[in-house]
């Protein structure tokens, strides 16, 4: 969602009429997950995507109709024919896409504020029946709510939304006026964090790549000449401190990853010791197997168990034959994502 804000602001300032397309349900395989969004304007501009290019042209045509009628609609895209003349997905799955006019109302302002400030929220939008399509309800991190799908279903939405973890989506079906209502729920929260210890050449590439795919990146290095905004323009924060002091101020939770690129025991060991005391999902350290054996010995002497030390990924990164700093950064980021997504 956040990556479309700059386009949205520009188009609004230019008086564009804007529609929003959101993937709300995926069956079997599909290029984009639920929650993927695409902005479209009456003049033909687009930002984001809802598939791998299979259905975007048709989504645009339908968006023009929605902008004309001002009535949101949910469109299903299934399997395309073998020759590709029929609009649909070639991957064997199907998706439902909600297409609606963009309205900068209170619900939108509340949701955008949560996204920009890294706060949690649960967003709900009605999918059926017709009178409820496009209606919105937002629960903020402090428990307050904005908007309403319908008083008859809002309490059910609140109960279901409370069970969702950040990044999860769900469609619920509930009773409404003698029939049934369908609502799309999405749990929104702060982006995953990546902490890089060591303002190295590879660290600069890693920071740029990680920022592009949505990580909030912090770079830690006591050497101010290396950790500069010129070398790390994509970092959310630059911290000029020793690793143990900097990490004492960091909250490394289950959505956090820590990468140690200093390749120097006086930096590596304190950084890894701090990380092992945290819930960080990914901990990686650059260096050869010989170097890492020495690290393991030092950490063992500090009281860390074999199971603790086994959390450290070293040598760091997937083995893709990396040679350049950028290739090393690519291999590290790929490993971070694999661990976060539960892949081995």
Protein backbone atom coordinates (compact mmCIF):
# COMPACT_ATOMS: atom_id res chain seq x y z
CA UNK A 1 0.00 0.00 0.00
CA UNK A 2 2.66 2.49 1.05
CA UNK A 3 4.54 2.36 -2.26
CA UNK A 4 1.54 3.88 -4.05
CA UNK A 5 1.22 6.93 -1.78
CA UNK A 6 3.53 9.18 -3.81
CA UNK A 7 1.65 8.44 -7.04
CA UNK A 8 -1.67 8.92 -5.28
CA UNK A 9 -0.67 12.30 -3.87
CA UNK A 10 0.63 13.49 -7.23
CA UNK A 11 -2.50 12.41 -9.10
CA UNK A 12 -4.81 13.99 -6.54
CA UNK A 13 -2.90 17.26 -6.78
CA UNK A 14 -3.41 17.15 -10.54
CA UNK A 15 -7.16 16.58 -10.22
CA UNK A 16 -7.16 12.99 -11.48
CA UNK A 17 -10.20 10.75 -10.97
CA UNK A 18 -8.79 7.61 -9.32
CA UNK A 19 -9.98 4.03 -8.85
CA UNK A 20 -8.49 1.42 -6.53
CA UNK A 21 -8.34 -2.30 -7.38
CA UNK A 22 -7.62 -4.71 -4.50
CA UNK A 23 -7.10 -8.47 -4.62
CA UNK A 24 -9.46 -9.76 -1.93
CA UNK A 25 -9.39 -13.51 -2.51
CA UNK A 26 -7.05 -16.00 -4.16
CA UNK A 27 -7.92 -19.60 -5.03
CA UNK A 28 -5.10 -22.01 -5.82
CA UNK A 29 -2.18 -20.21 -7.48
CA UNK A 30 -2.03 -16.51 -8.39
CA UNK A 31 0.74 -13.98 -9.09
CA UNK A 32 -0.25 -11.53 -6.30
CA UNK A 33 -1.59 -12.24 -2.79
CA UNK A 34 -4.73 -10.87 -1.12
CA UNK A 35 -4.20 -7.23 -0.26
CA UNK A 36 -2.26 -6.42 -3.45
CA UNK A 37 -3.43 -3.09 -4.83
CA UNK A 38 -3.44 -1.13 -8.04
CA UNK A 39 -4.34 2.52 -8.60
CA UNK A 40 -5.82 3.58 -11.94
CA UNK A 41 -6.85 6.97 -13.30
CA UNK A 42 -9.41 7.93 -15.86
CA UNK A 43 -6.55 9.32 -17.99
CA UNK A 44 -4.80 5.93 -18.12
CA UNK A 45 -2.14 6.09 -15.41
CA UNK A 46 -1.46 3.02 -13.29
CA UNK A 47 0.50 2.21 -10.13
CA UNK A 48 0.88 -1.20 -8.50
CA UNK A 49 -0.57 -4.47 -9.81
CA UNK A 50 -3.12 -7.17 -9.06
CA UNK A 51 -1.58 -9.93 -11.19
CA UNK A 52 1.47 -10.60 -13.31
CA UNK A 53 -0.02 -8.61 -16.18
CA UNK A 54 -2.70 -11.17 -17.01
CA UNK A 55 -5.76 -9.12 -16.10
CA UNK A 56 -4.59 -5.53 -15.63
CA UNK A 57 -5.94 -4.35 -19.00
CA UNK A 58 -9.42 -5.63 -18.18
CA UNK A 59 -9.22 -4.20 -14.65
CA UNK A 60 -8.52 -0.81 -16.24
CA UNK A 61 -11.56 -1.03 -18.50
CA UNK A 62 -13.78 -2.01 -15.58
CA UNK A 63 -12.26 0.76 -13.45
CA UNK A 64 -13.39 3.30 -16.06
CA UNK A 65 -16.93 1.93 -15.74
CA UNK A 66 -16.74 2.14 -11.93
CA UNK A 67 -15.49 5.73 -12.11
CA UNK A 68 -18.45 6.54 -14.33
CA UNK A 69 -21.09 4.81 -12.21
CA UNK A 70 -19.42 5.46 -8.80
CA UNK A 71 -20.59 1.95 -7.82
CA UNK A 72 -17.88 -0.48 -6.55
CA UNK A 73 -17.87 -4.03 -7.88
CA UNK A 74 -16.12 -7.34 -7.21
CA UNK A 75 -14.81 -9.06 -10.34
CA UNK A 76 -13.68 -12.68 -10.58
CA UNK A 77 -10.83 -13.67 -12.89
CA UNK A 78 -10.38 -17.37 -13.53
CA UNK A 79 -8.35 -19.52 -15.88
CA UNK A 80 -7.68 -18.13 -19.35
CA UNK A 81 -8.12 -20.23 -22.48
CA UNK A 82 -5.07 -21.99 -23.91
CA UNK A 83 -4.55 -19.46 -26.71
CA UNK A 84 -4.72 -16.51 -24.32
CA UNK A 85 -7.61 -14.78 -26.07
CA UNK A 86 -9.81 -14.99 -23.01
CA UNK A 87 -9.00 -12.64 -20.11
CA UNK A 88 -7.85 -14.61 -17.09
CA UNK A 89 -4.93 -16.17 -15.24
CA UNK A 90 -2.58 -18.61 -16.90
CA UNK A 91 -1.35 -20.05 -13.59
CA UNK A 92 -4.40 -22.23 -12.93
CA UNK A 93 -5.89 -20.15 -10.12
CA UNK A 94 -8.55 -17.50 -9.77
CA UNK A 95 -8.80 -14.18 -7.97
CA UNK A 96 -11.50 -11.79 -6.84
CA UNK A 97 -10.70 -8.10 -7.30
CA UNK A 98 -12.61 -5.27 -5.65
CA UNK A 99 -12.68 -2.19 -7.90
CA UNK A 100 -13.91 1.04 -6.29
CA UNK A 101 -13.63 4.80 -6.71
CA UNK A 102 -10.98 6.32 -4.45
CA UNK A 103 -12.55 8.49 -1.75
CA UNK A 104 -10.34 10.35 0.74
CA UNK A 105 -12.73 9.94 3.66
CA UNK A 106 -12.15 9.49 7.40
CA UNK A 107 -11.55 5.75 7.07
CA UNK A 108 -8.87 6.32 4.44
CA UNK A 109 -7.18 9.06 6.47
CA UNK A 110 -7.09 6.80 9.54
CA UNK A 111 -5.70 3.86 7.60
CA UNK A 112 -3.05 5.93 5.84
CA UNK A 113 -1.96 7.45 9.14
CA UNK A 114 -1.42 3.97 10.60
CA UNK A 115 0.60 2.83 7.58
CA UNK A 116 2.80 5.94 7.51
CA UNK A 117 3.45 5.85 11.25
CA UNK A 118 4.13 2.11 11.42
CA UNK A 119 1.11 1.46 13.66
CA UNK A 120 -1.15 -1.57 13.72
CA UNK A 121 -4.67 -1.52 12.32
CA UNK A 122 -7.33 -3.84 10.97
CA UNK A 123 -9.06 -2.77 7.77
CA UNK A 124 -12.42 -4.21 6.68
CA UNK A 125 -14.33 -3.61 3.45
CA UNK A 126 -17.69 -5.02 2.39
CA UNK A 127 -17.79 -7.37 -0.62
CA UNK A 128 -21.43 -8.49 -0.68
CA UNK A 129 -24.34 -8.03 -0.95
CA UNK A 130 -24.60 -4.95 -3.14
CA UNK A 131 -25.54 -2.35 -0.49
CA UNK A 132 -22.44 -3.24 1.57
CA UNK A 133 -19.86 -3.34 -1.23
CA UNK A 134 -17.13 -0.80 -0.60
CA UNK A 135 -18.23 0.14 2.92
CA UNK A 136 -15.24 0.40 5.28
CA UNK A 137 -14.46 -0.16 8.94
CA UNK A 138 -11.04 0.50 10.51
CA UNK A 139 -9.88 -0.55 13.97
CA UNK A 140 -6.88 1.47 15.10
CA UNK A 141 -4.06 0.22 17.29
CA UNK A 142 -5.44 2.04 20.32
CA UNK A 143 -8.75 0.20 19.99
CA UNK A 144 -10.70 3.06 18.44
CA UNK A 145 -12.73 2.50 15.29
CA UNK A 146 -13.56 4.59 12.22
CA UNK A 147 -16.37 3.89 9.77
CA UNK A 148 -18.86 1.04 9.65
CA UNK A 149 -19.84 -1.82 7.36
CA UNK A 150 -23.17 -2.13 9.17
CA UNK A 151 -24.00 -2.16 12.90
CA UNK A 152 -25.29 -5.71 12.48
CA UNK A 153 -21.89 -7.04 11.35
CA UNK A 154 -19.36 -4.64 12.92
CA UNK A 155 -19.07 -6.64 16.16
CA UNK A 156 -18.33 -9.84 14.23
CA UNK A 157 -15.70 -7.97 12.21
CA UNK A 158 -14.06 -6.72 15.40
CA UNK A 159 -13.91 -10.23 16.90
CA UNK A 160 -12.44 -11.80 13.75
CA UNK A 161 -9.99 -8.94 13.20
CA UNK A 162 -8.59 -9.33 16.71
CA UNK A 163 -7.38 -12.83 15.76
CA UNK A 164 -5.36 -11.71 12.72
CA UNK A 165 -1.61 -11.22 12.84
CA UNK A 166 0.14 -8.47 10.90
CA UNK A 167 0.06 -9.18 7.18
CA UNK A 168 -2.77 -11.71 7.38
CA UNK A 169 -6.03 -11.40 5.47
CA UNK A 170 -9.36 -13.16 5.78
CA UNK A 171 -12.83 -13.16 4.26
CA UNK A 172 -15.67 -13.68 6.70
CA UNK A 173 -19.30 -14.51 6.00
CA UNK A 174 -21.88 -13.45 8.54
CA UNK A 175 -25.64 -13.10 8.86
CA UNK A 176 -27.15 -9.81 7.66
CA UNK A 177 -30.81 -8.88 7.23
CA UNK A 178 -31.95 -12.43 6.62
CA UNK A 179 -29.14 -13.15 4.19
CA UNK A 180 -25.36 -13.18 4.36
CA UNK A 181 -22.67 -10.53 4.14
CA UNK A 182 -19.07 -11.05 2.97
CA UNK A 183 -16.29 -8.85 4.32
CA UNK A 184 -12.56 -8.69 3.51
CA UNK A 185 -10.29 -8.20 6.54
CA UNK A 186 -6.64 -7.16 6.43
CA UNK A 187 -4.28 -6.74 9.41
CA UNK A 188 -1.81 -3.94 8.85
CA UNK A 189 1.28 -3.20 10.91
CA UNK A 190 4.79 -1.83 10.80
CA UNK A 191 7.05 -3.20 8.05
CA UNK A 192 9.59 -5.89 8.97
CA UNK A 193 12.84 -4.45 10.26
CA UNK A 194 16.34 -5.21 9.03
CA UNK A 195 19.30 -4.15 11.15
CA UNK A 196 22.65 -4.05 9.37
CA UNK A 197 25.73 -3.96 11.59
CA UNK A 198 28.61 -2.68 9.48
CA UNK A 199 28.46 0.15 6.95
CA UNK A 200 30.19 -1.85 4.23
CA UNK A 201 29.91 -1.80 0.44
CA UNK A 202 27.68 -4.89 0.52
CA UNK A 203 25.68 -3.27 3.32
CA UNK A 204 24.93 -0.30 1.09
CA UNK A 205 23.55 -2.55 -1.65
CA UNK A 206 21.61 -4.60 0.89
CA UNK A 207 20.07 -1.45 2.38
CA UNK A 208 18.87 -0.28 -1.04
CA UNK A 209 17.40 -3.66 -2.04
CA UNK A 210 15.73 -4.24 1.34
CA UNK A 211 14.16 -0.79 1.30
CA UNK A 212 12.76 -1.41 -2.17
CA UNK A 213 10.89 -4.53 -1.06
CA UNK A 214 9.50 -2.96 2.09
CA UNK A 215 11.96 -3.43 4.96
CA UNK A 216 12.59 -0.67 7.46
CA UNK A 217 16.39 -0.58 7.55
CA UNK A 218 18.66 0.53 10.39
CA UNK A 219 22.42 0.72 9.85
CA UNK A 220 24.74 0.56 12.85
CA UNK A 221 28.41 1.48 12.75
CA UNK A 222 30.55 3.44 15.20
CA UNK A 223 32.67 4.65 12.27
CA UNK A 224 30.95 7.87 11.22
CA UNK A 225 33.01 8.19 8.05
CA UNK A 226 31.43 4.99 6.72
CA UNK A 227 27.85 5.29 7.97
CA UNK A 228 26.80 8.38 6.02
CA UNK A 229 23.57 9.37 4.30
CA UNK A 230 25.48 9.60 1.03
CA UNK A 231 26.43 5.92 1.24
CA UNK A 232 23.12 4.80 2.78
CA UNK A 233 20.39 7.08 1.37
CA UNK A 234 17.75 4.36 1.78
CA UNK A 235 18.32 3.73 5.50
CA UNK A 236 15.49 4.66 7.84
CA UNK A 237 18.08 5.30 10.56
CA UNK A 238 21.87 5.58 10.82
CA UNK A 239 23.20 4.83 14.31
CA UNK A 240 26.77 5.83 15.15
CA UNK A 241 27.47 3.60 18.15
CA UNK A 242 29.12 0.35 19.17
CA UNK A 243 26.87 -2.62 18.35
CA UNK A 244 26.15 -3.60 21.95
CA UNK A 245 25.12 -0.04 22.83
CA UNK A 246 23.01 0.45 19.70
CA UNK A 247 21.27 -2.93 19.95
CA UNK A 248 20.43 -2.31 23.61
CA UNK A 249 18.08 0.38 22.28
CA UNK A 250 16.61 -1.81 19.52
CA UNK A 251 13.57 -4.02 19.88
CA UNK A 252 14.35 -7.10 17.80
CA UNK A 253 11.07 -8.99 17.60
CA UNK A 254 9.84 -11.93 15.58
CA UNK A 255 9.59 -9.80 12.42
CA UNK A 256 13.15 -8.53 12.78
CA UNK A 257 16.33 -9.63 11.01
CA UNK A 258 19.92 -8.79 11.92
CA UNK A 259 22.86 -8.96 9.52
CA UNK A 260 26.44 -8.61 10.75
CA UNK A 261 28.83 -7.51 8.00
CA UNK A 262 31.72 -6.08 10.05
CA UNK A 263 33.90 -9.22 9.84
CA UNK A 264 35.77 -8.06 12.96
CA UNK A 265 35.46 -9.85 16.35
CA UNK A 266 35.25 -6.63 18.34
CA UNK A 267 32.08 -5.77 16.42
CA UNK A 268 30.80 -9.25 15.51
CA UNK A 269 30.73 -10.88 18.94
CA UNK A 270 28.85 -8.12 20.82
CA UNK A 271 26.37 -7.80 17.95
CA UNK A 272 25.69 -11.54 17.78
CA UNK A 273 25.46 -11.85 21.56
CA UNK A 274 22.83 -9.11 21.63
CA UNK A 275 20.90 -10.71 18.77
CA UNK A 276 20.89 -14.16 20.41
CA UNK A 277 19.19 -12.65 23.45
CA UNK A 278 16.40 -11.34 21.24
CA UNK A 279 13.51 -12.90 19.32
CA UNK A 280 14.99 -11.93 15.94
CA UNK A 281 13.75 -14.32 13.27
CA UNK A 282 16.94 -14.11 11.22
CA UNK A 283 20.53 -13.67 12.43
CA UNK A 284 23.34 -13.82 9.86
CA UNK A 285 27.05 -13.09 9.99
CA UNK A 286 29.55 -12.63 7.19
CA UNK A 287 32.75 -14.64 7.31
CA UNK A 288 34.27 -17.98 6.40
CA UNK A 289 33.59 -21.26 8.16
CA UNK A 290 36.94 -20.93 9.93
CA UNK A 291 36.00 -17.46 11.14
CA UNK A 292 32.63 -18.69 12.31
CA UNK A 293 34.15 -21.60 14.26
CA UNK A 294 36.15 -19.04 16.21
CA UNK A 295 33.00 -16.99 16.81
CA UNK A 296 31.14 -20.04 18.05
CA UNK A 297 33.91 -20.72 20.56
CA UNK A 298 33.76 -17.16 21.88
CA UNK A 299 29.97 -17.24 22.14
CA UNK A 300 30.07 -20.62 23.88
CA UNK A 301 32.45 -19.19 26.46
CA UNK A 302 29.94 -16.40 27.05
CA UNK A 303 27.34 -19.01 28.06
CA UNK A 304 25.37 -19.47 24.86
CA UNK A 305 24.23 -23.03 24.13
CA UNK A 306 24.74 -24.93 20.89
CA UNK A 307 21.06 -24.41 20.08
CA UNK A 308 21.44 -20.68 20.63
CA UNK A 309 24.47 -20.45 18.36
CA UNK A 310 22.78 -22.59 15.70
CA UNK A 311 20.40 -19.66 15.09
CA UNK A 312 23.25 -17.80 13.36
CA UNK A 313 23.38 -18.22 9.58
CA UNK A 314 27.04 -18.37 8.58
CA UNK A 315 28.52 -18.19 6.03
CA UNK A 316 25.81 -15.66 5.35
CA UNK A 317 23.44 -15.74 2.38
CA UNK A 318 22.23 -18.35 -0.08
CA UNK A 319 25.00 -20.01 -2.05
CA UNK A 320 24.52 -18.41 -5.47
CA UNK A 321 28.22 -18.05 -6.21
CA UNK A 322 28.31 -14.39 -5.13
CA UNK A 323 31.37 -12.41 -6.13
CA UNK A 324 30.52 -8.71 -6.06
CA UNK A 325 29.16 -6.78 -3.04
CA UNK A 326 25.80 -6.42 -4.81
CA UNK A 327 25.63 -10.16 -5.45
CA UNK A 328 26.42 -10.84 -1.80
CA UNK A 329 23.65 -8.43 -0.80
CA UNK A 330 21.24 -10.26 -3.10
CA UNK A 331 22.14 -13.63 -1.58
CA UNK A 332 21.68 -12.26 1.95
CA UNK A 333 18.31 -10.69 1.23
CA UNK A 334 17.11 -13.88 -0.44
CA UNK A 335 18.05 -15.86 2.67
CA UNK A 336 16.37 -13.34 4.97
CA UNK A 337 13.15 -13.65 2.95
CA UNK A 338 13.36 -17.45 2.86
CA UNK A 339 13.64 -17.60 6.65
CA UNK A 340 10.81 -15.10 7.12
CA UNK A 341 8.54 -17.08 4.80
CA UNK A 342 9.40 -20.44 6.40
CA UNK A 343 11.37 -21.74 3.42
CA UNK A 344 14.58 -23.74 3.74
